[in-house]
Amino acid sequence: MTPTNCICRIEIDDQGLLPPTPQIAQERKVAIFDLLEENSFSLPGRGGAAAPTGPFCLGLAIREGRLVVEASNEAGERLAEFHLSLGPFRQVVKDYFQICESYFDAVKRLPPSQIEAIDMARRGIHNEGAEVLIERLAGKAELDRATARRLFTLICVLAPGA
């Protein structure tokens, strides 16, 4: 039996975006794989109606400078669409890319102890981005921190300059 409070498919509309670097493409692949393996996502009921049941198909895109999150059921019926300002994500996305750049550079030339320190900082920024996403989706969708972290990675790939 498939869980109902989960994402079963994710589609990323990256039309018009520059191709990602190999490192960022790998981050995206890992985030999608991990997200589909384990996640928690649900939509609340609206106006007295029962909450939609999943599993959910999620679409992510940047349109007119906003993050668009579309949720549909497996039959393709749109259940919800959220347009979120990228403003609250700007600084954390910028910080995330800077620390990722440091991390990718460190892996090539630094000892494990220094790589670990940079990776800890990277995880901290990742957690910060997840919290911003949870706050922005409050009342619209419910997701756990691990799911938010993976979705934040995908937001970074879509909006590298946020």
N, C-alpha and C. Protein backbone atom coordinates (compact mmCIF):
# COMPACT_ATOMS: atom_id res chain seq x y z
N MET A 1 0.84 -1.19 0.00
CA MET A 1 0.00 0.00 0.00
C MET A 1 0.89 1.25 0.00
N THR A 2 0.62 2.17 -0.90
CA THR A 2 1.39 3.40 -1.02
C THR A 2 0.93 4.40 0.04
N PRO A 3 1.87 5.01 0.75
CA PRO A 3 1.46 6.04 1.73
C PRO A 3 0.76 7.20 1.04
N THR A 4 -0.17 7.84 1.76
CA THR A 4 -0.91 8.94 1.14
C THR A 4 -0.29 10.30 1.41
N ASN A 5 0.45 10.46 2.48
CA ASN A 5 1.07 11.75 2.80
C ASN A 5 2.49 11.78 2.28
N CYS A 6 2.63 11.66 0.97
CA CYS A 6 3.98 11.65 0.41
C CYS A 6 3.97 12.17 -1.03
N ILE A 7 5.15 12.46 -1.49
CA ILE A 7 5.39 12.86 -2.88
C ILE A 7 5.84 11.60 -3.61
N CYS A 8 5.16 11.27 -4.70
CA CYS A 8 5.53 10.07 -5.47
C CYS A 8 6.28 10.42 -6.76
N ARG A 9 6.18 11.68 -7.17
CA ARG A 9 6.88 12.11 -8.40
C ARG A 9 7.17 13.59 -8.28
N ILE A 10 8.29 13.98 -8.84
CA ILE A 10 8.64 15.41 -8.84
C ILE A 10 9.10 15.79 -10.24
N GLU A 11 8.59 16.89 -10.71
CA GLU A 11 8.96 17.40 -12.03
C GLU A 11 9.51 18.80 -11.85
N ILE A 12 10.62 19.05 -12.49
CA ILE A 12 11.27 20.35 -12.39
C ILE A 12 11.26 21.00 -13.77
N ASP A 13 10.66 22.16 -13.84
CA ASP A 13 10.61 22.92 -15.08
C ASP A 13 11.80 23.87 -15.06
N ASP A 14 12.85 23.47 -15.77
CA ASP A 14 14.06 24.30 -15.79
C ASP A 14 14.27 24.97 -17.14
N GLN A 15 13.17 25.14 -17.90
CA GLN A 15 13.26 25.82 -19.19
C GLN A 15 13.76 27.24 -18.99
N GLY A 16 14.66 27.65 -19.84
CA GLY A 16 15.17 29.01 -19.80
C GLY A 16 16.28 29.23 -18.77
N LEU A 17 16.63 28.18 -18.06
CA LEU A 17 17.72 28.31 -17.07
C LEU A 17 19.02 27.81 -17.66
N LEU A 18 20.11 28.35 -17.17
CA LEU A 18 21.42 27.86 -17.59
C LEU A 18 21.59 26.43 -17.13
N PRO A 19 22.30 25.61 -17.92
CA PRO A 19 22.52 24.24 -17.47
C PRO A 19 23.34 24.24 -16.17
N PRO A 20 23.00 23.34 -15.24
CA PRO A 20 23.74 23.31 -13.98
C PRO A 20 25.15 22.75 -14.17
N THR A 21 26.04 23.11 -13.25
CA THR A 21 27.38 22.52 -13.27
C THR A 21 27.24 21.04 -12.96
N PRO A 22 28.26 20.24 -13.26
CA PRO A 22 28.17 18.81 -12.93
C PRO A 22 27.91 18.56 -11.44
N GLN A 23 28.52 19.36 -10.58
CA GLN A 23 28.31 19.18 -9.13
C GLN A 23 26.86 19.47 -8.75
N ILE A 24 26.31 20.55 -9.28
CA ILE A 24 24.93 20.92 -8.96
C ILE A 24 23.97 19.90 -9.57
N ALA A 25 24.26 19.41 -10.77
CA ALA A 25 23.42 18.37 -11.38
C ALA A 25 23.40 17.13 -10.50
N GLN A 26 24.56 16.79 -9.91
CA GLN A 26 24.63 15.64 -9.02
C GLN A 26 23.83 15.89 -7.74
N GLU A 27 23.92 17.10 -7.18
CA GLU A 27 23.13 17.46 -5.99
C GLU A 27 21.64 17.29 -6.29
N ARG A 28 21.24 17.73 -7.47
CA ARG A 28 19.83 17.63 -7.88
C ARG A 28 19.39 16.17 -7.95
N LYS A 29 20.20 15.33 -8.59
CA LYS A 29 19.87 13.91 -8.71
C LYS A 29 19.73 13.24 -7.35
N VAL A 30 20.67 13.54 -6.47
CA VAL A 30 20.65 12.95 -5.13
C VAL A 30 19.42 13.44 -4.36
N ALA A 31 19.12 14.74 -4.46
CA ALA A 31 17.96 15.29 -3.75
C ALA A 31 16.67 14.65 -4.24
N ILE A 32 16.52 14.47 -5.55
CA ILE A 32 15.31 13.84 -6.08
C ILE A 32 15.23 12.39 -5.63
N PHE A 33 16.34 11.67 -5.74
CA PHE A 33 16.34 10.26 -5.32
C PHE A 33 15.96 10.14 -3.85
N ASP A 34 16.64 10.92 -3.00
CA ASP A 34 16.37 10.86 -1.56
C ASP A 34 14.94 11.28 -1.24
N LEU A 35 14.46 12.31 -1.93
CA LEU A 35 13.11 12.80 -1.71
C LEU A 35 12.08 11.72 -2.02
N LEU A 36 12.26 11.04 -3.14
CA LEU A 36 11.28 10.02 -3.52
C LEU A 36 11.38 8.77 -2.66
N GLU A 37 12.54 8.53 -2.09
CA GLU A 37 12.71 7.38 -1.19
C GLU A 37 11.98 7.58 0.13
N GLU A 38 12.05 8.79 0.66
CA GLU A 38 11.44 9.06 1.96
C GLU A 38 11.06 10.53 2.05
N ASN A 39 9.78 10.78 2.28
CA ASN A 39 9.32 12.16 2.44
C ASN A 39 7.98 12.17 3.14
N SER A 40 7.60 13.33 3.59
CA SER A 40 6.30 13.53 4.23
C SER A 40 5.73 14.84 3.69
N PHE A 41 4.59 14.76 3.04
CA PHE A 41 4.00 15.93 2.41
C PHE A 41 2.49 15.75 2.40
N SER A 42 1.76 16.77 2.82
CA SER A 42 0.31 16.72 2.76
C SER A 42 -0.24 18.11 2.55
N LEU A 43 -1.47 18.15 2.08
CA LEU A 43 -2.19 19.40 1.86
C LEU A 43 -3.35 19.46 2.84
N PRO A 44 -3.60 20.63 3.43
CA PRO A 44 -4.74 20.74 4.34
C PRO A 44 -6.05 20.87 3.57
N GLY A 45 -7.15 20.60 4.24
CA GLY A 45 -8.46 20.84 3.64
C GLY A 45 -8.70 22.34 3.55
N ARG A 46 -9.56 22.75 2.68
CA ARG A 46 -9.86 24.17 2.49
C ARG A 46 -11.37 24.39 2.56
N GLY A 47 -11.77 25.45 3.24
CA GLY A 47 -13.18 25.85 3.27
C GLY A 47 -14.11 24.74 3.72
N GLY A 48 -13.72 23.96 4.69
CA GLY A 48 -14.56 22.89 5.20
C GLY A 48 -14.45 21.59 4.42
N ALA A 49 -13.75 21.61 3.28
CA ALA A 49 -13.58 20.39 2.48
C ALA A 49 -12.50 19.52 3.12
N ALA A 50 -12.62 18.24 2.89
CA ALA A 50 -11.62 17.30 3.40
C ALA A 50 -10.28 17.56 2.74
N ALA A 51 -9.22 17.23 3.44
CA ALA A 51 -7.87 17.37 2.88
C ALA A 51 -7.70 16.42 1.70
N PRO A 52 -7.08 16.90 0.62
CA PRO A 52 -6.80 16.00 -0.51
C PRO A 52 -5.86 14.88 -0.06
N THR A 53 -6.05 13.72 -0.64
CA THR A 53 -5.16 12.61 -0.31
C THR A 53 -4.16 12.41 -1.44
N GLY A 54 -3.01 11.92 -1.08
CA GLY A 54 -1.96 11.63 -2.03
C GLY A 54 -1.94 10.15 -2.32
N PRO A 55 -0.86 9.70 -2.86
CA PRO A 55 0.40 10.41 -3.02
C PRO A 55 0.29 11.57 -4.03
N PHE A 56 1.23 12.50 -3.87
CA PHE A 56 1.20 13.73 -4.65
C PHE A 56 2.33 13.78 -5.67
N CYS A 57 2.02 14.41 -6.80
CA CYS A 57 3.03 14.72 -7.80
C CYS A 57 3.31 16.21 -7.62
N LEU A 58 4.57 16.55 -7.52
CA LEU A 58 4.94 17.95 -7.27
C LEU A 58 5.69 18.50 -8.47
N GLY A 59 5.34 19.71 -8.85
CA GLY A 59 6.04 20.41 -9.91
C GLY A 59 6.68 21.66 -9.32
N LEU A 60 7.91 21.92 -9.70
CA LEU A 60 8.63 23.12 -9.25
C LEU A 60 9.06 23.91 -10.48
N ALA A 61 8.87 25.22 -10.42
CA ALA A 61 9.28 26.08 -11.53
C ALA A 61 9.52 27.48 -11.01
N ILE A 62 10.22 28.26 -11.80
CA ILE A 62 10.35 29.69 -11.57
C ILE A 62 9.60 30.37 -12.70
N ARG A 63 8.59 31.16 -12.32
CA ARG A 63 7.80 31.88 -13.31
C ARG A 63 7.63 33.32 -12.84
N GLU A 64 7.94 34.23 -13.72
CA GLU A 64 7.83 35.67 -13.43
C GLU A 64 8.51 36.02 -12.12
N GLY A 65 9.68 35.41 -11.89
CA GLY A 65 10.49 35.72 -10.72
C GLY A 65 9.97 35.14 -9.42
N ARG A 66 9.04 34.20 -9.49
CA ARG A 66 8.48 33.57 -8.29
C ARG A 66 8.65 32.06 -8.37
N LEU A 67 8.77 31.45 -7.19
CA LEU A 67 8.80 30.00 -7.11
C LEU A 67 7.37 29.49 -7.20
N VAL A 68 7.11 28.60 -8.13
CA VAL A 68 5.78 28.01 -8.28
C VAL A 68 5.86 26.54 -7.89
N VAL A 69 5.02 26.17 -6.95
CA VAL A 69 4.92 24.79 -6.49
C VAL A 69 3.52 24.31 -6.85
N GLU A 70 3.46 23.28 -7.68
CA GLU A 70 2.18 22.72 -8.09
C GLU A 70 2.05 21.32 -7.51
N ALA A 71 0.91 21.02 -6.91
CA ALA A 71 0.65 19.68 -6.38
C ALA A 71 -0.55 19.10 -7.11
N SER A 72 -0.38 17.88 -7.58
CA SER A 72 -1.49 17.19 -8.24
C SER A 72 -1.54 15.76 -7.72
N ASN A 73 -2.63 15.07 -8.06
CA ASN A 73 -2.70 13.66 -7.68
C ASN A 73 -2.08 12.83 -8.80
N GLU A 74 -2.05 11.52 -8.60
CA GLU A 74 -1.42 10.65 -9.60
C GLU A 74 -2.14 10.67 -10.93
N ALA A 75 -3.43 11.03 -10.94
CA ALA A 75 -4.20 11.11 -12.18
C ALA A 75 -3.92 12.42 -12.92
N GLY A 76 -3.15 13.32 -12.31
CA GLY A 76 -2.80 14.58 -12.95
C GLY A 76 -3.73 15.73 -12.64
N GLU A 77 -4.69 15.53 -11.74
CA GLU A 77 -5.60 16.61 -11.37
C GLU A 77 -4.88 17.56 -10.42
N ARG A 78 -4.87 18.85 -10.77
CA ARG A 78 -4.20 19.84 -9.93
C ARG A 78 -4.99 20.02 -8.65
N LEU A 79 -4.29 19.90 -7.53
CA LEU A 79 -4.91 20.04 -6.22
C LEU A 79 -4.58 21.38 -5.58
N ALA A 80 -3.41 21.90 -5.87
CA ALA A 80 -2.98 23.17 -5.28
C ALA A 80 -1.85 23.75 -6.11
N GLU A 81 -1.74 25.07 -6.04
CA GLU A 81 -0.63 25.78 -6.70
C GLU A 81 -0.27 26.96 -5.81
N PHE A 82 1.00 27.05 -5.48
CA PHE A 82 1.49 28.13 -4.62
C PHE A 82 2.53 28.93 -5.38
N HIS A 83 2.42 30.25 -5.30
CA HIS A 83 3.40 31.16 -5.89
C HIS A 83 4.09 31.85 -4.72
N LEU A 84 5.37 31.58 -4.56
CA LEU A 84 6.12 32.10 -3.42
C LEU A 84 7.17 33.10 -3.89
N SER A 85 7.27 34.18 -3.18
CA SER A 85 8.32 35.16 -3.45
C SER A 85 9.68 34.52 -3.20
N LEU A 86 10.64 34.83 -4.05
CA LEU A 86 11.99 34.32 -3.85
C LEU A 86 12.78 35.17 -2.85
N GLY A 87 12.25 36.35 -2.50
CA GLY A 87 12.95 37.25 -1.59
C GLY A 87 13.44 36.59 -0.31
N PRO A 88 12.57 35.87 0.41
CA PRO A 88 13.01 35.24 1.66
C PRO A 88 14.09 34.17 1.48
N PHE A 89 14.24 33.68 0.25
CA PHE A 89 15.23 32.64 -0.03
C PHE A 89 16.57 33.20 -0.50
N ARG A 90 16.59 34.47 -0.92
CA ARG A 90 17.77 35.02 -1.60
C ARG A 90 19.08 34.84 -0.84
N GLN A 91 19.12 35.29 0.39
CA GLN A 91 20.38 35.24 1.13
C GLN A 91 20.81 33.80 1.43
N VAL A 92 19.86 32.96 1.82
CA VAL A 92 20.22 31.60 2.16
C VAL A 92 20.65 30.81 0.92
N VAL A 93 20.04 31.08 -0.24
CA VAL A 93 20.47 30.42 -1.48
C VAL A 93 21.88 30.88 -1.84
N LYS A 94 22.13 32.18 -1.72
CA LYS A 94 23.47 32.73 -1.99
C LYS A 94 24.50 32.08 -1.07
N ASP A 95 24.19 32.03 0.23
CA ASP A 95 25.10 31.40 1.20
C ASP A 95 25.32 29.93 0.89
N TYR A 96 24.24 29.26 0.48
CA TYR A 96 24.34 27.83 0.17
C TYR A 96 25.29 27.60 -1.00
N PHE A 97 25.16 28.41 -2.06
CA PHE A 97 26.04 28.23 -3.21
C PHE A 97 27.50 28.55 -2.86
N GLN A 98 27.72 29.56 -2.04
CA GLN A 98 29.09 29.88 -1.63
C GLN A 98 29.70 28.74 -0.84
N ILE A 99 28.95 28.16 0.09
CA ILE A 99 29.50 27.08 0.90
C ILE A 99 29.66 25.82 0.06
N CYS A 100 28.77 25.59 -0.89
CA CYS A 100 28.93 24.43 -1.78
C CYS A 100 30.20 24.56 -2.62
N GLU A 101 30.44 25.77 -3.10
CA GLU A 101 31.65 26.01 -3.88
C GLU A 101 32.90 25.73 -3.04
N SER A 102 32.88 26.19 -1.79
CA SER A 102 33.99 25.92 -0.87
C SER A 102 34.13 24.43 -0.62
N TYR A 103 33.01 23.76 -0.46
CA TYR A 103 33.02 22.32 -0.19
C TYR A 103 33.60 21.55 -1.38
N PHE A 104 33.12 21.85 -2.60
CA PHE A 104 33.61 21.15 -3.78
C PHE A 104 35.11 21.39 -3.98
N ASP A 105 35.56 22.61 -3.68
CA ASP A 105 36.99 22.93 -3.77
C ASP A 105 37.77 22.20 -2.69
N ALA A 106 37.23 22.15 -1.48
CA ALA A 106 37.90 21.50 -0.35
C ALA A 106 38.08 20.01 -0.58
N VAL A 107 37.09 19.38 -1.18
CA VAL A 107 37.16 17.94 -1.42
C VAL A 107 38.38 17.59 -2.27
N LYS A 108 38.77 18.50 -3.13
CA LYS A 108 39.90 18.26 -4.03
C LYS A 108 41.26 18.42 -3.35
N ARG A 109 41.32 19.23 -2.26
CA ARG A 109 42.65 19.57 -1.79
C ARG A 109 42.85 19.63 -0.27
N LEU A 110 41.80 19.52 0.53
CA LEU A 110 41.96 19.66 1.97
C LEU A 110 41.82 18.32 2.70
N PRO A 111 42.38 18.26 3.89
CA PRO A 111 42.27 17.03 4.68
C PRO A 111 40.83 16.83 5.18
N PRO A 112 40.47 15.59 5.50
CA PRO A 112 39.10 15.27 5.92
C PRO A 112 38.56 16.14 7.06
N SER A 113 39.39 16.52 8.02
CA SER A 113 38.89 17.31 9.15
C SER A 113 38.38 18.68 8.68
N GLN A 114 39.07 19.29 7.73
CA GLN A 114 38.63 20.60 7.22
C GLN A 114 37.40 20.45 6.32
N ILE A 115 37.35 19.36 5.57
CA ILE A 115 36.18 19.09 4.73
C ILE A 115 34.96 18.91 5.62
N GLU A 116 35.12 18.19 6.71
CA GLU A 116 34.03 17.95 7.64
C GLU A 116 33.49 19.26 8.23
N ALA A 117 34.39 20.18 8.56
CA ALA A 117 33.97 21.46 9.12
C ALA A 117 33.14 22.24 8.10
N ILE A 118 33.57 22.25 6.85
CA ILE A 118 32.83 22.95 5.79
C ILE A 118 31.49 22.26 5.56
N ASP A 119 31.48 20.93 5.60
CA ASP A 119 30.24 20.19 5.40
C ASP A 119 29.24 20.48 6.53
N MET A 120 29.72 20.64 7.75
CA MET A 120 28.83 20.99 8.86
C MET A 120 28.19 22.35 8.64
N ALA A 121 28.98 23.29 8.14
CA ALA A 121 28.44 24.63 7.84
C ALA A 121 27.42 24.54 6.71
N ARG A 122 27.72 23.71 5.73
CA ARG A 122 26.79 23.52 4.61
C ARG A 122 25.46 22.95 5.11
N ARG A 123 25.52 21.97 6.00
CA ARG A 123 24.29 21.40 6.56
C ARG A 123 23.50 22.43 7.35
N GLY A 124 24.21 23.32 8.06
CA GLY A 124 23.53 24.37 8.81
C GLY A 124 22.77 25.31 7.91
N ILE A 125 23.38 25.70 6.80
CA ILE A 125 22.72 26.58 5.84
C ILE A 125 21.54 25.85 5.19
N HIS A 126 21.74 24.58 4.92
CA HIS A 126 20.67 23.75 4.35
C HIS A 126 19.47 23.72 5.30
N ASN A 127 19.74 23.56 6.60
CA ASN A 127 18.66 23.56 7.59
C ASN A 127 17.94 24.91 7.61
N GLU A 128 18.72 25.97 7.49
CA GLU A 128 18.13 27.32 7.47
C GLU A 128 17.19 27.47 6.28
N GLY A 129 17.62 27.00 5.11
CA GLY A 129 16.78 27.05 3.91
C GLY A 129 15.52 26.22 4.07
N ALA A 130 15.65 25.06 4.72
CA ALA A 130 14.48 24.21 4.97
C ALA A 130 13.48 24.92 5.86
N GLU A 131 13.97 25.61 6.87
CA GLU A 131 13.08 26.34 7.78
C GLU A 131 12.34 27.46 7.04
N VAL A 132 13.04 28.17 6.16
CA VAL A 132 12.40 29.22 5.37
C VAL A 132 11.28 28.60 4.53
N LEU A 133 11.54 27.46 3.92
CA LEU A 133 10.53 26.81 3.09
C LEU A 133 9.33 26.37 3.93
N ILE A 134 9.58 25.78 5.07
CA ILE A 134 8.49 25.35 5.96
C ILE A 134 7.63 26.56 6.35
N GLU A 135 8.29 27.67 6.69
CA GLU A 135 7.56 28.89 7.06
C GLU A 135 6.73 29.42 5.89
N ARG A 136 7.31 29.42 4.69
CA ARG A 136 6.61 29.96 3.51
C ARG A 136 5.42 29.10 3.11
N LEU A 137 5.49 27.79 3.42
CA LEU A 137 4.39 26.89 3.07
C LEU A 137 3.39 26.68 4.21
N ALA A 138 3.62 27.33 5.34
CA ALA A 138 2.72 27.18 6.49
C ALA A 138 1.28 27.48 6.09
N GLY A 139 0.39 26.57 6.45
CA GLY A 139 -1.03 26.72 6.11
C GLY A 139 -1.38 26.29 4.70
N LYS A 140 -0.36 26.06 3.87
CA LYS A 140 -0.58 25.65 2.48
C LYS A 140 -0.26 24.19 2.26
N ALA A 141 0.83 23.75 2.90
CA ALA A 141 1.28 22.36 2.80
C ALA A 141 2.05 22.03 4.06
N GLU A 142 2.00 20.78 4.43
CA GLU A 142 2.75 20.32 5.60
C GLU A 142 3.84 19.36 5.13
N LEU A 143 5.05 19.60 5.61
CA LEU A 143 6.17 18.74 5.25
C LEU A 143 7.13 18.68 6.42
N ASP A 144 7.87 17.59 6.48
CA ASP A 144 8.84 17.46 7.56
C ASP A 144 10.15 18.13 7.15
N ARG A 145 11.07 18.22 8.09
CA ARG A 145 12.33 18.92 7.85
C ARG A 145 13.16 18.23 6.75
N ALA A 146 13.22 16.90 6.77
CA ALA A 146 14.01 16.19 5.75
C ALA A 146 13.46 16.47 4.35
N THR A 147 12.15 16.46 4.21
CA THR A 147 11.53 16.77 2.92
C THR A 147 11.83 18.21 2.53
N ALA A 148 11.73 19.13 3.47
CA ALA A 148 12.01 20.54 3.20
C ALA A 148 13.47 20.74 2.78
N ARG A 149 14.39 20.00 3.41
CA ARG A 149 15.81 20.12 3.04
C ARG A 149 16.02 19.72 1.58
N ARG A 150 15.40 18.63 1.19
CA ARG A 150 15.58 18.14 -0.19
C ARG A 150 14.91 19.07 -1.19
N LEU A 151 13.75 19.58 -0.84
CA LEU A 151 13.09 20.55 -1.72
C LEU A 151 13.90 21.84 -1.81
N PHE A 152 14.52 22.25 -0.70
CA PHE A 152 15.37 23.44 -0.73
C PHE A 152 16.52 23.25 -1.73
N THR A 153 17.12 22.07 -1.76
CA THR A 153 18.18 21.80 -2.73
C THR A 153 17.66 22.03 -4.14
N LEU A 154 16.46 21.56 -4.42
CA LEU A 154 15.89 21.72 -5.76
C LEU A 154 15.56 23.18 -6.06
N ILE A 155 15.14 23.93 -5.06
CA ILE A 155 14.92 25.36 -5.23
C ILE A 155 16.23 26.06 -5.59
N CYS A 156 17.30 25.66 -4.93
CA CYS A 156 18.62 26.25 -5.23
C CYS A 156 19.01 26.00 -6.68
N VAL A 157 18.73 24.81 -7.19
CA VAL A 157 19.06 24.48 -8.58
C VAL A 157 18.23 25.34 -9.53
N LEU A 158 16.98 25.59 -9.16
CA LEU A 158 16.10 26.40 -10.02
C LEU A 158 16.42 27.88 -9.96
N ALA A 159 16.81 28.35 -8.78
CA ALA A 159 17.00 29.78 -8.58
C ALA A 159 18.37 30.08 -8.01
N PRO A 160 19.44 29.76 -8.75
CA PRO A 160 20.78 29.95 -8.20
C PRO A 160 21.07 31.39 -7.79
N GLY A 161 20.46 32.35 -8.43
CA GLY A 161 20.67 33.74 -8.04
C GLY A 161 19.57 34.26 -7.15
N ALA A 162 18.54 33.41 -6.97
CA ALA A 162 17.32 33.78 -6.23
C ALA A 162 17.10 35.26 -6.38
